[in-house]
Amino acid sequence: MLAAIVRFAVQNRGIVIALALLLMAFGTYQLNRASLDIFPEFAGKRVVIQTEAPGLSTELVENTVTLPIERALAGLIGVKRLRSESIQGLSVITVVFDDDTDLYRDRQLVSERLATVGGQLPLAIGPPILVPLSSSSATILTLGLSSPTRSPLELRDLVDWTIAPRLLAVPGVADVNVFGGERKQLQIQVDRDKLWRYGLDLAE
C-alpha cells in the first residue's frame, strides 16, 4: 500500500505539489480566521458586573442589590445564563451570552439596562461596574486583609495606595479589583443651634 502511494506521488509530481500548495493555502486561510489564542477561551462570552455595598450583610446584598440588577438584566437578547454571587459588601453578577453574539454589543446592552437600575438601589450603594474584558481564567489571586491594630479605613488606604499599584506594576497583571473597608470622606457637620444664633439657615 505504501509503495503504491510513493509510486503515485513520484509519477504525478505536479498533482501532488498542487494539492500540497492548495492544502497549505487553505490552512493559512483557516489559521487567520481561527478565534483561538495561546490559551483557548473555554467559557462562553460573558459580562461580569460588580457592585460594592459597604456595611450590608450577605442577605441584604442579595435582596437590595443583586435581585434588582438581575431583574433589570432579565430578557436581554442572546442571554444564555445568569449567575450571581452575594457576599458581605459585594454583589457579583455574571451574564453569559450565546457564542455567536458580539461581546462589545453585549456589554453595551448590559450598560443600557444598568443605567435604569440606579434609582432602585439604596443610596449608600456604589454604582454597578462592568469588569474589564479578561479571560475566564484571569482571576489569579483573591486575598483579604485584616489587622488587630489597623482600622478598616487604614487597611483600605494601604490597599488603594500601596498594594494595588504594586500589583498593577507586575508584568501580565491587567486589573486589580478592590472592595470592602472604609474610604476617607470629607464631612461637614452642621451645628443648627449656632446657625440659628447667627441668624443663618442651612442654604446660606
Protein backbone atom coordinates (compact mmCIF):
# COMPACT_ATOMS: atom_id res chain seq x y z
CA MET A 1 0.00 0.00 0.00
CA LEU A 2 2.76 2.42 0.99
CA ALA A 3 4.75 1.52 -2.12
CA ALA A 4 1.75 2.32 -4.31
CA ILE A 5 1.33 5.75 -2.67
CA VAL A 6 5.02 6.54 -3.17
CA ARG A 7 4.86 5.36 -6.79
CA PHE A 8 1.79 7.55 -7.47
CA ALA A 9 3.47 10.59 -5.85
CA VAL A 10 6.62 10.14 -7.96
CA GLN A 11 4.74 9.61 -11.20
CA ASN A 12 2.34 12.54 -10.59
CA ARG A 13 4.64 15.11 -9.06
CA GLY A 14 2.68 18.06 -10.43
CA ILE A 15 -0.63 16.92 -8.95
CA VAL A 16 0.96 16.21 -5.54
CA ILE A 17 2.68 19.62 -5.44
CA ALA A 18 -0.54 21.38 -6.48
CA LEU A 19 -2.52 19.56 -3.77
CA ALA A 20 0.14 20.42 -1.18
CA LEU A 21 0.08 24.11 -2.13
CA LEU A 22 -3.71 24.11 -2.09
CA LEU A 23 -3.74 22.47 1.35
CA MET A 24 -1.17 24.99 2.63
CA ALA A 25 -3.22 27.94 1.33
CA PHE A 26 -6.37 26.54 2.92
CA GLY A 27 -4.56 26.02 6.25
CA THR A 28 -3.23 29.59 6.21
CA TYR A 29 -6.74 30.92 5.47
CA GLN A 30 -8.27 28.94 8.33
CA LEU A 31 -5.48 29.96 10.71
CA ASN A 32 -6.17 33.65 10.08
CA ARG A 33 -9.89 33.12 10.75
CA ALA A 34 -9.40 30.97 13.87
CA SER A 35 -10.61 32.53 17.13
CA LEU A 36 -8.11 30.63 19.26
CA ASP A 37 -5.30 32.12 21.28
CA ILE A 38 -2.33 30.58 23.03
CA PHE A 39 -4.75 29.75 25.85
CA PRO A 40 -8.13 28.98 24.23
CA GLU A 41 -11.21 30.58 25.79
CA PHE A 42 -13.27 27.68 27.09
CA ALA A 43 -16.01 29.79 28.71
CA GLY A 44 -18.76 31.49 26.74
CA LYS A 45 -18.94 35.21 26.12
CA ARG A 46 -19.70 36.81 29.43
CA VAL A 47 -20.12 40.17 31.13
CA VAL A 48 -19.33 40.48 34.85
CA ILE A 49 -20.94 43.22 36.98
CA GLN A 50 -19.62 44.12 40.42
CA THR A 51 -21.45 46.37 42.87
CA GLU A 52 -20.00 47.44 46.19
CA ALA A 53 -22.42 47.52 49.12
CA PRO A 54 -20.42 48.72 52.15
CA GLY A 55 -21.78 47.60 55.51
CA LEU A 56 -24.51 45.30 54.14
CA SER A 57 -24.78 41.67 55.16
CA THR A 58 -24.95 38.88 52.60
CA GLU A 59 -28.75 38.68 52.84
CA LEU A 60 -29.20 42.44 52.41
CA VAL A 61 -26.83 42.47 49.43
CA GLU A 62 -28.88 39.69 47.84
CA ASN A 63 -32.25 41.38 48.41
CA THR A 64 -31.43 45.05 47.81
CA VAL A 65 -28.64 44.87 45.20
CA THR A 66 -28.38 41.55 43.39
CA LEU A 67 -32.07 40.88 42.80
CA PRO A 68 -32.90 44.35 41.34
CA ILE A 69 -29.95 44.11 38.95
CA GLU A 70 -30.93 40.57 37.93
CA ARG A 71 -34.49 41.71 37.23
CA ALA A 72 -33.19 44.58 35.09
CA LEU A 73 -30.99 42.23 33.06
CA ALA A 74 -33.69 39.62 32.54
CA GLY A 75 -34.83 39.34 28.94
CA LEU A 76 -31.67 40.66 27.29
CA ILE A 77 -31.20 39.36 23.74
CA GLY A 78 -28.78 36.45 23.49
CA VAL A 79 -28.52 35.70 27.22
CA LYS A 80 -27.80 32.03 27.82
CA ARG A 81 -27.27 32.06 31.57
CA LEU A 82 -27.38 34.47 34.50
CA ARG A 83 -25.33 33.71 37.63
CA SER A 84 -24.92 35.76 40.78
CA GLU A 85 -22.95 35.72 43.99
CA SER A 86 -23.73 37.86 47.01
CA ILE A 87 -21.22 38.20 49.80
CA GLN A 88 -20.85 40.70 52.60
CA GLY A 89 -20.34 44.10 51.00
CA LEU A 90 -20.23 42.91 47.37
CA SER A 91 -22.56 41.69 44.63
CA VAL A 92 -21.14 39.88 41.58
CA ILE A 93 -23.38 39.04 38.63
CA THR A 94 -22.17 37.10 35.59
CA VAL A 95 -24.19 37.26 32.37
CA VAL A 96 -23.26 34.55 29.85
CA PHE A 97 -24.26 35.21 26.22
CA ASP A 98 -24.56 32.95 23.19
CA ASP A 99 -21.31 32.22 21.36
CA ASP A 100 -22.48 33.88 18.13
CA THR A 101 -23.10 37.29 19.74
CA ASP A 102 -20.77 40.29 19.66
CA LEU A 103 -19.23 40.76 23.11
CA TYR A 104 -18.92 44.55 22.74
CA ARG A 105 -22.58 44.81 21.77
CA ASP A 106 -23.45 42.58 24.75
CA ARG A 107 -21.58 44.96 27.07
CA GLN A 108 -23.45 47.89 25.53
CA LEU A 109 -26.82 46.21 26.14
CA VAL A 110 -25.88 45.47 29.75
CA SER A 111 -24.73 49.08 30.29
CA GLU A 112 -28.05 50.41 28.98
CA ARG A 113 -30.00 48.18 31.37
CA LEU A 114 -27.79 49.11 34.33
CA ALA A 115 -28.48 52.80 33.68
CA THR A 116 -32.12 52.17 34.62
CA VAL A 117 -31.28 50.42 37.91
CA GLY A 118 -29.58 53.27 39.75
CA GLY A 119 -32.77 54.63 41.31
CA GLN A 120 -33.75 51.22 42.68
CA LEU A 121 -30.59 50.69 44.72
CA PRO A 122 -30.01 52.04 48.27
CA LEU A 123 -28.29 55.43 48.49
CA ALA A 124 -25.06 54.13 50.05
CA ILE A 125 -24.53 51.54 47.31
CA GLY A 126 -21.81 52.13 44.74
CA PRO A 127 -22.78 52.12 41.05
CA PRO A 128 -22.77 48.75 39.24
CA ILE A 129 -19.47 48.47 37.34
CA LEU A 130 -18.64 46.26 34.37
CA VAL A 131 -15.44 44.32 34.98
CA PRO A 132 -12.85 44.92 32.21
CA LEU A 133 -12.62 42.30 29.49
CA SER A 134 -10.44 39.38 30.51
CA SER A 135 -10.04 35.65 30.04
CA SER A 136 -12.22 33.26 32.01
CA SER A 137 -9.07 32.06 33.77
CA ALA A 138 -7.79 35.55 34.52
CA THR A 139 -8.59 35.62 38.25
CA ILE A 140 -5.23 34.55 39.57
CA LEU A 141 -5.47 35.52 43.23
CA THR A 142 -8.11 36.63 45.72
CA LEU A 143 -6.88 37.87 49.08
CA GLY A 144 -8.26 39.64 52.13
CA LEU A 145 -6.57 41.85 54.70
CA SER A 146 -7.26 42.04 58.43
CA SER A 147 -5.35 43.64 61.25
CA PRO A 148 -5.72 43.83 65.03
CA THR A 149 -4.08 47.27 65.07
CA ARG A 150 -5.28 48.99 61.87
CA SER A 151 -8.81 50.20 61.22
CA PRO A 152 -10.77 49.27 58.05
CA LEU A 153 -10.09 52.83 56.84
CA GLU A 154 -6.31 52.39 57.21
CA LEU A 155 -6.44 49.00 55.52
CA ARG A 156 -8.36 50.41 52.55
CA ASP A 157 -5.80 53.23 52.21
CA LEU A 158 -2.98 50.66 52.34
CA VAL A 159 -4.58 48.63 49.55
CA ASP A 160 -5.53 51.61 47.35
CA TRP A 161 -2.23 53.46 47.60
CA THR A 162 0.38 50.73 48.18
CA ILE A 163 -0.65 47.17 47.40
CA ALA A 164 -2.83 47.71 44.30
CA PRO A 165 -0.28 49.92 42.44
CA ARG A 166 2.48 47.39 43.13
CA LEU A 167 0.35 44.53 41.84
CA LEU A 168 -0.51 46.50 38.70
CA ALA A 169 3.21 47.08 38.12
CA VAL A 170 3.76 43.31 37.79
CA PRO A 171 4.05 42.33 34.09
CA GLY A 172 0.93 40.50 32.92
CA VAL A 173 -1.41 41.89 35.59
CA ALA A 174 -4.24 43.67 33.78
CA ASP A 175 -6.53 44.70 36.62
CA VAL A 176 -6.89 44.73 40.40
CA ASN A 177 -10.39 44.87 41.88
CA VAL A 178 -10.63 46.30 45.41
CA PHE A 179 -13.72 46.19 47.60
CA GLY A 180 -14.55 46.44 51.26
CA GLY A 181 -13.04 48.54 54.00
CA GLU A 182 -13.85 52.20 54.53
CA ARG A 183 -13.00 55.16 52.31
CA LYS A 184 -11.95 58.59 53.52
CA GLN A 185 -14.67 61.21 53.39
CA LEU A 186 -14.76 64.95 53.87
CA GLN A 187 -17.82 65.61 56.02
CA ILE A 188 -19.26 68.92 57.15
CA GLN A 189 -21.11 68.58 60.44
CA VAL A 190 -23.64 71.39 60.81
CA ASP A 191 -24.48 72.79 64.24
CA ARG A 192 -28.01 74.13 63.77
CA ASP A 193 -28.00 75.92 67.14
CA LYS A 194 -25.01 78.02 66.12
CA LEU A 195 -26.60 78.73 62.74
CA TRP A 196 -29.75 79.94 64.48
CA ARG A 197 -27.68 82.04 66.88
CA TYR A 198 -26.08 83.90 63.96
CA GLY A 199 -29.32 84.19 62.05
CA LEU A 200 -28.29 81.84 59.23
CA ASP A 201 -30.13 78.98 57.59
CA LEU A 202 -28.57 75.87 56.03
CA ALA A 203 -28.74 77.16 52.47
CA GLU A 204 -26.84 80.34 53.40
